Structures are given as structure tokens and as C-alpha cells.
Amino acid sequence: MDKESRETLMRMAYASSVGIGMVLAIFGCLYLGRYLDEQFGTGLRFTIIFLLLGIAAGFRNLYYIIKKYSADEKSSADTDDTKK
């Protein structure tokens, strides 16, 4: 596999991990909140609290994935510069 194809696949992997990280955090917390509301009969209190926590966790995951991606891009750019 040539370098350009590998870089394209890596970008696609990062893009999909961003989406998956957001969805899992939000829906996981939403499901947990609904479950707790059903167990304790508290209406929508836990659902709203955990939904907000899930959204915050999703954006936290997004931040760390982008931060890791930019660090990987910088290190690969530094490696490319030293090879020239």
C-alpha cells in the first residue's frame, strides 16, 4: 500500500472514530438515564442529567481525538521534513 492510500485510510479512521465516540457517549448516557428513571420513578430527571453529561463527554472525546490527530499529523510532517 502506498503512502497516500495509507494516509487517506488513516483520515477516514479518525473521522469515523469521531462520529462513533460522539454517538456512543450520548446514547450510552441517555440509555442509562432512562433506565435510572424507570427504576426510581423520577420522571425525566436522570434522563436530562445524563443526556447533558453524555453530550459533554462526546465533545470531550471529540477534543481528544482531534488533539491526537493533530499531534500525529505534526509528527508525520516532522518525519517527512527530516527525510528530505
N, C-alpha and C. Protein backbone atom coordinates (compact mmCIF):
# COMPACT_ATOMS: atom_id res chain seq x y z
N MET A 1 0.86 -1.17 0.00
CA MET A 1 0.00 0.00 0.00
C MET A 1 0.90 1.24 0.00
N ASP A 2 0.61 2.15 -0.87
CA ASP A 2 1.43 3.35 -0.96
C ASP A 2 1.07 4.33 0.17
N LYS A 3 1.92 5.29 0.35
CA LYS A 3 1.80 6.22 1.48
C LYS A 3 0.53 7.06 1.39
N GLU A 4 0.15 7.49 0.20
CA GLU A 4 -1.04 8.33 0.04
C GLU A 4 -2.31 7.56 0.41
N SER A 5 -2.41 6.31 0.01
CA SER A 5 -3.56 5.48 0.35
C SER A 5 -3.63 5.25 1.85
N ARG A 6 -2.48 5.03 2.45
CA ARG A 6 -2.43 4.81 3.89
C ARG A 6 -2.89 6.05 4.65
N GLU A 7 -2.44 7.22 4.22
CA GLU A 7 -2.86 8.46 4.87
C GLU A 7 -4.35 8.69 4.71
N THR A 8 -4.91 8.38 3.56
CA THR A 8 -6.35 8.52 3.34
C THR A 8 -7.13 7.59 4.26
N LEU A 9 -6.67 6.36 4.39
CA LEU A 9 -7.33 5.42 5.29
C LEU A 9 -7.25 5.88 6.75
N MET A 10 -6.12 6.45 7.13
CA MET A 10 -5.97 6.95 8.50
C MET A 10 -6.93 8.12 8.75
N ARG A 11 -7.08 9.00 7.79
CA ARG A 11 -8.02 10.12 7.94
C ARG A 11 -9.45 9.62 8.06
N MET A 12 -9.79 8.62 7.27
CA MET A 12 -11.14 8.05 7.35
C MET A 12 -11.37 7.38 8.69
N ALA A 13 -10.35 6.73 9.22
CA ALA A 13 -10.46 6.08 10.53
C ALA A 13 -10.67 7.12 11.63
N TYR A 14 -9.94 8.22 11.56
CA TYR A 14 -10.13 9.28 12.55
C TYR A 14 -11.53 9.89 12.44
N ALA A 15 -11.99 10.12 11.23
CA ALA A 15 -13.33 10.70 11.04
C ALA A 15 -14.41 9.78 11.59
N SER A 16 -14.28 8.49 11.35
CA SER A 16 -15.30 7.57 11.86
C SER A 16 -15.21 7.45 13.37
N SER A 17 -14.02 7.52 13.94
CA SER A 17 -13.91 7.43 15.40
C SER A 17 -14.51 8.66 16.08
N VAL A 18 -14.47 9.80 15.42
CA VAL A 18 -15.12 10.99 15.97
C VAL A 18 -16.62 10.77 16.07
N GLY A 19 -17.22 10.29 15.00
CA GLY A 19 -18.66 10.03 15.00
C GLY A 19 -19.06 8.97 15.99
N ILE A 20 -18.31 7.88 16.02
CA ILE A 20 -18.62 6.79 16.94
C ILE A 20 -18.48 7.25 18.38
N GLY A 21 -17.44 8.00 18.67
CA GLY A 21 -17.23 8.50 20.04
C GLY A 21 -18.36 9.40 20.51
N MET A 22 -18.83 10.26 19.63
CA MET A 22 -19.95 11.14 19.99
C MET A 22 -21.22 10.34 20.23
N VAL A 23 -21.55 9.46 19.30
CA VAL A 23 -22.80 8.70 19.39
C VAL A 23 -22.82 7.79 20.61
N LEU A 24 -21.74 7.07 20.84
CA LEU A 24 -21.71 6.15 21.98
C LEU A 24 -21.83 6.89 23.31
N ALA A 25 -21.14 8.00 23.45
CA ALA A 25 -21.21 8.75 24.70
C ALA A 25 -22.62 9.29 24.94
N ILE A 26 -23.22 9.87 23.93
CA ILE A 26 -24.54 10.48 24.09
C ILE A 26 -25.61 9.42 24.33
N PHE A 27 -25.67 8.42 23.46
CA PHE A 27 -26.73 7.42 23.60
C PHE A 27 -26.51 6.49 24.79
N GLY A 28 -25.26 6.24 25.14
CA GLY A 28 -24.98 5.44 26.33
C GLY A 28 -25.50 6.13 27.59
N CYS A 29 -25.21 7.40 27.71
CA CYS A 29 -25.69 8.16 28.88
C CYS A 29 -27.20 8.34 28.84
N LEU A 30 -27.75 8.53 27.66
CA LEU A 30 -29.21 8.66 27.53
C LEU A 30 -29.89 7.37 27.99
N TYR A 31 -29.37 6.24 27.55
CA TYR A 31 -29.94 4.95 27.95
C TYR A 31 -29.83 4.76 29.46
N LEU A 32 -28.69 5.10 30.03
CA LEU A 32 -28.51 4.97 31.48
C LEU A 32 -29.49 5.86 32.24
N GLY A 33 -29.68 7.08 31.78
CA GLY A 33 -30.63 7.99 32.42
C GLY A 33 -32.05 7.47 32.35
N ARG A 34 -32.45 6.95 31.20
CA ARG A 34 -33.81 6.38 31.07
C ARG A 34 -33.98 5.18 31.99
N TYR A 35 -32.96 4.33 32.07
CA TYR A 35 -33.02 3.16 32.94
C TYR A 35 -33.19 3.58 34.40
N LEU A 36 -32.40 4.55 34.84
CA LEU A 36 -32.50 5.00 36.23
C LEU A 36 -33.85 5.65 36.51
N ASP A 37 -34.38 6.41 35.55
CA ASP A 37 -35.71 7.00 35.73
C ASP A 37 -36.79 5.92 35.87
N GLU A 38 -36.68 4.87 35.10
CA GLU A 38 -37.65 3.78 35.21
C GLU A 38 -37.52 3.06 36.54
N GLN A 39 -36.30 2.87 37.03
CA GLN A 39 -36.08 2.16 38.28
C GLN A 39 -36.57 2.96 39.49
N PHE A 40 -36.35 4.26 39.47
CA PHE A 40 -36.70 5.09 40.62
C PHE A 40 -37.99 5.88 40.43
N GLY A 41 -38.58 5.85 39.25
CA GLY A 41 -39.82 6.57 39.00
C GLY A 41 -39.68 8.08 39.17
N THR A 42 -38.63 8.63 38.61
CA THR A 42 -38.33 10.06 38.80
C THR A 42 -38.67 10.92 37.59
N GLY A 43 -39.50 10.43 36.70
CA GLY A 43 -39.86 11.23 35.52
C GLY A 43 -38.71 11.28 34.54
N LEU A 44 -38.24 12.48 34.24
CA LEU A 44 -37.14 12.64 33.29
C LEU A 44 -35.89 13.25 33.92
N ARG A 45 -35.80 13.26 35.23
CA ARG A 45 -34.66 13.91 35.89
C ARG A 45 -33.34 13.30 35.48
N PHE A 46 -33.21 11.99 35.66
CA PHE A 46 -31.94 11.34 35.34
C PHE A 46 -31.67 11.35 33.83
N THR A 47 -32.72 11.26 33.04
CA THR A 47 -32.54 11.28 31.59
C THR A 47 -31.90 12.59 31.15
N ILE A 48 -32.41 13.70 31.65
CA ILE A 48 -31.87 15.01 31.26
C ILE A 48 -30.46 15.19 31.79
N ILE A 49 -30.22 14.79 33.04
CA ILE A 49 -28.89 14.95 33.62
C ILE A 49 -27.87 14.12 32.84
N PHE A 50 -28.20 12.86 32.60
CA PHE A 50 -27.25 12.00 31.90
C PHE A 50 -27.13 12.35 30.42
N LEU A 51 -28.16 12.87 29.81
CA LEU A 51 -28.06 13.34 28.43
C LEU A 51 -27.06 14.49 28.34
N LEU A 52 -27.15 15.43 29.26
CA LEU A 52 -26.20 16.54 29.28
C LEU A 52 -24.78 16.06 29.54
N LEU A 53 -24.64 15.09 30.46
CA LEU A 53 -23.31 14.52 30.71
C LEU A 53 -22.78 13.79 29.47
N GLY A 54 -23.67 13.10 28.75
CA GLY A 54 -23.27 12.41 27.53
C GLY A 54 -22.82 13.37 26.45
N ILE A 55 -23.53 14.48 26.31
CA ILE A 55 -23.14 15.49 25.33
C ILE A 55 -21.77 16.06 25.68
N ALA A 56 -21.57 16.36 26.97
CA ALA A 56 -20.27 16.88 27.41
C ALA A 56 -19.17 15.84 27.17
N ALA A 57 -19.45 14.58 27.46
CA ALA A 57 -18.46 13.53 27.25
C ALA A 57 -18.17 13.35 25.75
N GLY A 58 -19.19 13.48 24.92
CA GLY A 58 -18.99 13.38 23.48
C GLY A 58 -18.08 14.47 22.95
N PHE A 59 -18.29 15.69 23.41
CA PHE A 59 -17.43 16.77 22.97
C PHE A 59 -16.02 16.65 23.56
N ARG A 60 -15.92 16.09 24.76
CA ARG A 60 -14.60 15.83 25.35
C ARG A 60 -13.86 14.81 24.48
N ASN A 61 -14.55 13.75 24.08
CA ASN A 61 -13.95 12.75 23.19
C ASN A 61 -13.53 13.38 21.87
N LEU A 62 -14.38 14.24 21.34
CA LEU A 62 -14.07 14.94 20.09
C LEU A 62 -12.79 15.76 20.23
N TYR A 63 -12.66 16.48 21.33
CA TYR A 63 -11.48 17.30 21.59
C TYR A 63 -10.22 16.44 21.63
N TYR A 64 -10.27 15.33 22.36
CA TYR A 64 -9.08 14.49 22.49
C TYR A 64 -8.73 13.77 21.19
N ILE A 65 -9.72 13.39 20.41
CA ILE A 65 -9.44 12.74 19.13
C ILE A 65 -8.79 13.74 18.18
N ILE A 66 -9.32 14.95 18.13
CA ILE A 66 -8.73 15.98 17.25
C ILE A 66 -7.33 16.34 17.72
N LYS A 67 -7.15 16.43 19.03
CA LYS A 67 -5.82 16.74 19.58
C LYS A 67 -4.82 15.64 19.20
N LYS A 68 -5.23 14.38 19.32
CA LYS A 68 -4.36 13.27 18.96
C LYS A 68 -4.08 13.27 17.46
N TYR A 69 -5.09 13.55 16.66
CA TYR A 69 -4.92 13.59 15.21
C TYR A 69 -3.94 14.68 14.81
N SER A 70 -4.06 15.85 15.41
CA SER A 70 -3.15 16.94 15.05
C SER A 70 -1.73 16.63 15.50
N ALA A 71 -1.58 15.94 16.63
CA ALA A 71 -0.23 15.55 17.07
C ALA A 71 0.36 14.52 16.12
N ASP A 72 -0.47 13.57 15.66
CA ASP A 72 0.01 12.58 14.69
C ASP A 72 0.40 13.23 13.37
N GLU A 73 -0.41 14.18 12.92
CA GLU A 73 -0.10 14.89 11.67
C GLU A 73 1.20 15.68 11.80
N LYS A 74 1.39 16.31 12.96
CA LYS A 74 2.59 17.10 13.17
C LYS A 74 3.82 16.20 13.20
N SER A 75 3.71 15.05 13.88
CA SER A 75 4.87 14.15 13.95
C SER A 75 5.17 13.54 12.58
N SER A 76 4.15 13.24 11.79
CA SER A 76 4.42 12.71 10.45
C SER A 76 4.99 13.79 9.55
N ALA A 77 4.58 15.03 9.73
CA ALA A 77 5.14 16.13 8.95
C ALA A 77 6.60 16.36 9.33
N ASP A 78 6.90 16.25 10.63
CA ASP A 78 8.28 16.40 11.07
C ASP A 78 9.16 15.28 10.52
N THR A 79 8.62 14.07 10.48
CA THR A 79 9.36 12.95 9.93
C THR A 79 9.58 13.12 8.44
N ASP A 80 8.57 13.62 7.73
CA ASP A 80 8.72 13.87 6.28
C ASP A 80 9.78 14.93 6.03
N ASP A 81 9.83 15.97 6.87
CA ASP A 81 10.80 17.03 6.69
C ASP A 81 12.22 16.54 6.91
N THR A 82 12.41 15.64 7.85
CA THR A 82 13.76 15.16 8.13
C THR A 82 14.26 14.21 7.05
N LYS A 83 13.33 13.57 6.33
CA LYS A 83 13.73 12.65 5.25
C LYS A 83 14.20 13.40 4.01
N LYS A 84 13.80 14.65 3.86
CA LYS A 84 14.15 15.43 2.66
C LYS A 84 15.55 15.95 2.71
